[in-house]
Protein backbone atom coordinates (compact mmCIF):
# COMPACT_ATOMS: atom_id res chain seq x y z
CA MET A 1 70.38 90.34 114.21
CA PRO A 2 73.19 88.49 112.39
CA SER A 3 75.41 90.53 110.08
CA LYS A 4 74.85 90.42 106.36
CA SER A 5 77.11 88.04 104.43
CA VAL A 6 79.24 89.03 101.45
CA LEU A 7 81.00 86.67 99.05
CA VAL A 8 84.10 88.23 97.46
CA ILE A 9 85.51 86.51 94.36
CA GLY A 10 89.21 87.26 93.90
CA GLY A 11 92.00 87.69 96.43
CA GLY A 12 94.04 90.30 94.57
CA LEU A 13 94.64 93.79 95.93
CA LEU A 14 91.17 94.97 94.94
CA GLY A 15 89.42 91.97 96.48
CA LEU A 16 91.52 92.18 99.67
CA ALA A 17 90.89 95.91 100.07
CA ALA A 18 87.14 95.45 99.59
CA ALA A 19 86.94 92.38 101.83
CA GLY A 20 88.89 94.10 104.61
CA ALA A 21 86.70 97.19 104.52
CA LEU A 22 83.51 95.11 104.51
CA ALA A 23 84.73 93.01 107.45
CA GLU A 24 85.54 96.17 109.42
CA ALA A 25 82.03 97.44 108.66
CA GLY A 26 80.52 94.33 110.28
CA TYR A 27 79.81 92.16 107.25
CA ARG A 28 80.52 88.43 107.39
CA VAL A 29 82.93 87.99 104.51
CA THR A 30 83.89 84.88 102.58
CA LEU A 31 86.84 85.50 100.26
CA LEU A 32 87.58 83.06 97.43
CA GLU A 33 90.99 83.00 95.69
CA GLN A 34 91.93 80.35 93.12
CA ARG A 35 95.68 80.60 93.76
CA PRO A 36 97.40 79.15 96.85
CA HIS A 37 98.44 82.68 97.94
CA LEU A 38 96.63 85.96 98.38
CA GLY A 39 97.64 89.05 96.42
CA GLY A 40 96.62 88.08 92.88
CA ARG A 41 99.31 89.03 90.39
CA ALA A 42 101.13 91.07 93.07
CA THR A 43 102.24 88.09 95.13
CA SER A 44 104.87 85.35 95.38
CA TYR A 45 105.17 81.85 94.01
CA SER A 46 107.33 78.95 95.16
CA LEU A 47 109.95 77.16 93.09
CA PRO A 48 110.40 73.38 93.41
CA ASP A 49 113.32 73.95 95.82
CA GLY A 50 111.09 76.04 98.10
CA GLU A 51 112.54 79.43 97.16
CA ARG A 52 109.95 82.24 97.07
CA VAL A 53 109.91 84.53 94.02
CA ASP A 54 107.96 87.80 93.89
CA ASN A 55 105.77 88.53 90.87
CA CYS A 56 104.71 92.10 90.00
CA GLN A 57 104.47 95.23 92.19
CA HIS A 58 108.11 94.91 93.27
CA VAL A 59 108.19 98.48 94.54
CA THR A 60 105.86 101.25 95.63
CA MET A 61 106.28 104.99 96.13
CA ARG A 62 105.09 107.41 98.78
CA CYS A 63 102.85 109.03 96.16
CA CYS A 64 100.89 105.75 95.82
CA THR A 65 98.58 106.91 98.60
CA ASN A 66 95.83 104.33 98.12
CA LEU A 67 98.31 101.46 98.27
CA ASP A 68 100.01 103.03 101.29
CA HIS A 69 96.64 103.33 103.04
CA PHE A 70 95.90 99.69 102.24
CA TYR A 71 99.23 98.54 103.71
CA ARG A 72 98.60 100.54 106.89
CA ARG A 73 95.10 99.14 107.28
CA VAL A 74 96.30 95.52 107.08
CA GLY A 75 99.34 96.07 109.30
CA ALA A 76 101.88 95.69 106.49
CA ALA A 77 103.32 99.22 106.56
CA ALA A 78 106.23 98.17 108.79
CA LYS A 79 107.18 95.53 106.21
CA ILE A 80 107.96 98.21 103.58
CA ARG A 81 111.38 99.95 103.64
CA TYR A 82 111.48 103.38 102.02
CA TYR A 83 114.53 104.97 100.43
CA ASP A 84 114.94 108.71 99.91
CA ARG A 85 117.48 108.51 97.07
CA LEU A 86 116.25 107.91 93.53
CA ALA A 87 118.96 106.43 91.30
CA PHE A 88 119.07 106.62 87.50
CA ALA A 89 121.49 104.59 85.35
CA SER A 90 122.50 105.29 81.76
CA PRO A 91 123.51 102.71 79.10
CA ASP A 92 127.13 103.84 79.45
CA SER A 93 127.10 102.90 83.17
CA ARG A 94 126.91 106.45 84.51
CA ARG A 95 124.64 107.08 87.51
CA GLY A 96 122.62 110.04 88.66
CA ILE A 97 120.98 110.48 92.06
CA LEU A 98 118.00 112.64 93.03
CA HIS A 99 117.55 113.30 96.74
CA SER A 100 115.82 115.82 98.95
CA SER A 101 117.29 119.06 100.24
CA PRO A 102 116.00 121.28 103.08
CA LEU A 103 114.10 123.39 100.52
CA PRO A 104 110.29 123.17 100.56
CA ALA A 105 108.32 121.42 97.82
CA PRO A 106 108.35 121.78 94.84
CA PHE A 107 112.01 122.88 95.06
CA HIS A 108 113.27 120.15 97.41
CA LEU A 109 114.91 118.16 94.56
CA ALA A 110 116.29 121.21 92.73
CA PRO A 111 119.89 121.09 94.10
CA SER A 112 120.42 117.41 93.21
CA PHE A 113 118.68 117.95 89.87
CA ALA A 114 121.05 120.83 89.07
CA LEU A 115 123.99 118.46 89.60
CA PHE A 116 122.32 115.54 87.79
CA PRO A 117 125.06 114.23 85.41
CA LEU A 118 122.88 112.43 82.85
CA LEU A 119 121.34 115.58 81.34
CA THR A 120 122.76 118.65 79.63
CA TRP A 121 122.08 122.14 81.00
CA ALA A 122 119.70 122.81 78.09
CA GLU A 123 117.75 119.64 78.89
CA LYS A 124 117.62 120.53 82.59
CA ARG A 125 116.29 124.02 81.83
CA ALA A 126 113.59 122.60 79.57
CA ILE A 127 112.55 120.00 82.18
CA ALA A 128 112.51 122.66 84.90
CA ARG A 129 110.19 124.85 82.80
CA ALA A 130 107.79 121.93 82.26
CA LEU A 131 107.81 121.01 85.96
CA LEU A 132 107.11 124.62 86.93
CA THR A 133 104.20 124.62 84.48
CA ILE A 134 102.75 121.63 86.33
CA ALA A 135 103.45 123.14 89.76
CA ARG A 136 101.93 126.55 88.96
CA ALA A 137 98.74 124.84 87.76
CA GLY A 138 98.48 122.71 90.90
CA GLY A 139 98.96 119.55 88.87
CA HIS A 140 96.30 120.43 86.29
CA PRO A 141 97.79 122.45 83.42
CA PRO A 142 95.32 123.02 80.55
CA PHE A 143 95.58 121.00 77.33
CA PRO A 144 93.10 119.71 74.73
CA ALA A 145 91.23 116.48 75.41
CA GLY A 146 92.96 113.44 73.95
CA THR A 147 96.45 114.92 74.29
CA THR A 148 99.09 112.25 74.84
CA MET A 149 102.02 112.79 77.15
CA LEU A 150 104.36 112.87 74.17
CA ASP A 151 102.17 115.53 72.52
CA TRP A 152 102.31 117.63 75.69
CA LEU A 153 106.09 117.33 75.97
CA HIS A 154 106.51 118.33 72.33
CA HIS A 155 104.18 121.29 72.92
CA LEU A 156 106.51 122.42 75.71
CA ARG A 157 109.50 121.97 73.38
CA GLN A 158 111.22 119.28 75.40
CA PRO A 159 114.50 118.14 73.78
CA THR A 160 114.77 114.54 72.62
CA GLY A 161 117.45 113.83 75.24
CA ALA A 162 115.20 115.11 78.03
CA ILE A 163 112.32 112.96 76.84
CA GLU A 164 114.42 109.80 76.50
CA ARG A 165 116.62 110.14 79.60
CA PHE A 166 114.12 111.65 82.04
CA TRP A 167 110.43 111.78 81.13
CA ARG A 168 110.31 108.37 79.46
CA VAL A 169 112.41 106.65 82.14
CA VAL A 170 110.07 107.79 84.91
CA LEU A 171 106.73 107.40 83.15
CA VAL A 172 107.23 104.05 81.43
CA SER A 173 108.35 102.66 84.80
CA ALA A 174 105.38 104.20 86.62
CA LEU A 175 102.60 103.62 84.09
CA ASP A 176 103.91 100.67 82.05
CA GLU A 177 103.02 102.40 78.78
CA GLU A 178 104.80 104.39 76.08
CA LEU A 179 104.45 108.17 76.06
CA ASP A 180 102.58 108.28 72.76
CA ARG A 181 99.92 105.94 74.23
CA THR A 182 99.64 107.64 77.64
CA ASP A 183 97.01 110.32 78.30
CA ALA A 184 98.79 113.50 79.36
CA ARG A 185 96.72 113.83 82.55
CA TYR A 186 98.10 110.54 83.89
CA GLY A 187 101.71 111.36 83.08
CA ILE A 188 101.40 114.83 84.61
CA ASP A 189 99.73 113.35 87.69
CA VAL A 190 102.77 111.12 88.29
CA PHE A 191 105.12 114.10 88.39
CA TRP A 192 102.74 116.23 90.44
CA LYS A 193 102.26 113.60 93.14
CA ALA A 194 105.75 112.06 93.10
CA PHE A 195 108.03 115.06 92.62
CA LEU A 196 106.21 118.35 93.16
CA SER A 197 103.30 118.37 95.59
CA ASN A 198 105.16 117.11 98.67
CA ARG A 199 108.70 116.35 99.81
CA ARG A 200 108.37 112.57 100.19
CA GLY A 201 106.27 111.51 97.20
CA PHE A 202 109.32 110.31 95.23
CA GLU A 203 110.58 107.94 97.93
CA VAL A 204 110.71 104.31 96.79
CA GLY A 205 109.42 101.53 99.02
CA ILE A 206 110.67 97.95 98.72
CA PRO A 207 108.98 95.09 100.63
CA ALA A 208 111.29 93.56 103.24
CA VAL A 209 109.35 90.26 103.10
CA PRO A 210 108.02 88.12 100.22
CA LEU A 211 105.00 89.82 98.66
CA ALA A 212 102.62 87.06 99.75
CA ASP A 213 103.54 87.78 103.40
CA LEU A 214 102.25 91.35 103.09
CA TYR A 215 98.67 90.15 103.06
CA ASP A 216 98.61 88.10 106.26
CA GLY A 217 96.86 90.99 107.98
CA CYS A 218 94.03 90.85 105.44
CA ARG A 219 93.37 87.20 106.23
CA ASP A 220 93.55 87.84 109.97
CA ALA A 221 91.18 90.84 109.83
CA ILE A 222 88.55 88.87 107.92
CA ILE A 223 88.78 85.84 110.21
CA GLN A 224 88.67 87.96 113.38
CA GLN A 225 85.36 89.40 112.19
CA GLY A 226 83.89 85.91 111.76
CA GLY A 227 84.68 85.61 108.06
CA GLU A 228 86.54 83.02 106.03
CA VAL A 229 89.37 83.07 103.49
CA ARG A 230 89.64 80.17 101.06
CA THR A 231 92.62 79.73 98.76
CA ARG A 232 92.70 77.19 95.93
CA ALA A 233 88.97 77.89 95.62
CA VAL A 234 88.29 77.95 91.88
CA VAL A 235 85.01 79.61 90.90
CA ARG A 236 83.46 78.08 87.77
CA ALA A 237 80.22 80.05 87.42
CA ILE A 238 77.98 82.70 88.92
CA ARG A 239 74.40 81.39 89.11
CA PHE A 240 71.34 83.58 88.66
CA SER A 241 67.71 83.38 89.73
CA GLY A 242 65.97 85.88 87.51
CA PRO A 243 67.93 89.14 87.60
CA ARG A 244 69.69 88.40 90.90
CA VAL A 245 72.72 86.28 91.73
CA SER A 246 71.66 83.17 93.59
CA SER A 247 74.97 81.36 94.21
CA VAL A 248 78.55 80.83 93.12
CA ALA A 249 79.58 77.42 91.78
CA LEU A 250 83.02 76.08 92.65
CA ASP A 251 85.24 73.67 90.74
CA SER A 252 84.63 71.14 93.51
CA GLY A 253 80.93 71.01 92.61
CA ASN A 254 79.84 72.89 95.74
CA GLU A 255 77.82 76.10 95.60
CA ILE A 256 78.07 79.02 98.02
CA THR A 257 75.37 81.56 98.76
CA ALA A 258 75.49 84.99 100.40
CA ASP A 259 73.39 88.12 100.83
CA HIS A 260 75.70 90.09 98.56
CA TYR A 261 78.29 89.19 95.92
CA LEU A 262 81.36 91.14 94.84
CA ALA A 263 83.50 90.13 91.86
CA ALA A 264 87.08 91.47 92.03
CA VAL A 265 88.51 89.66 89.02
CA PRO A 266 89.66 90.84 85.57
CA TYR A 267 86.73 91.63 83.27
CA THR A 268 87.68 88.80 80.91
CA ALA A 269 87.46 86.29 83.75
CA LEU A 270 84.18 87.82 84.91
CA LEU A 271 82.62 87.41 81.46
CA ASP A 272 83.54 83.71 81.53
CA LEU A 273 81.94 83.31 84.97
CA LEU A 274 78.76 85.01 83.80
């Protein structure tokens, strides 16, 4: 009996992860991506002179376990170089480095944190108390629903300097949002997974190849299972027959059918297609 076919719309990280898993499970996958490269917004583009420029997701961390698993599945793990020294820079050009010691987690960064030059001793003590609160609760300290990260830090009496030179630097970089707009559970989760729960979560990984080259393994895995990857394939509409999807219409005028359909595109784009 032939394998079931699946049409995946979108070649970003979500679409690639889904398509790879479905291909491994024996489905015949057709992946459609409108750009010339896979990876969605986390990929590369070419300048007129041929130079490749990366766009988005410039770095990863060991605590990004889902992304790490994805890279290992597609054979890209060896293309990521990890660094075990986390550097901070202040506006007055001073630098501070956090690195591991032989101590077990969550105390492995304590010696370098004690010598960290960008914070006062009062700020360090306050940060240490907050981190111990997270560690003692196993990453889930209690707080009222709807609490922002800034609310939580104020509740723990974090000094302004500690918030601006430590908490904000880490969390705005990690979550791309200001502390007064970030749910406390997400901010706390970053520190639990990156700094407290294991010794290597804080390590920073930088791709050693252009981002687009990280996803070659995804294409190969799909093709090896009898599937197909199409770039520059612009989807214009999702067609329905009654309550079920019947086909996907391309910009070229062609229509593609499958047994199952999976849309891995931003919700705004999906609404347009529907």
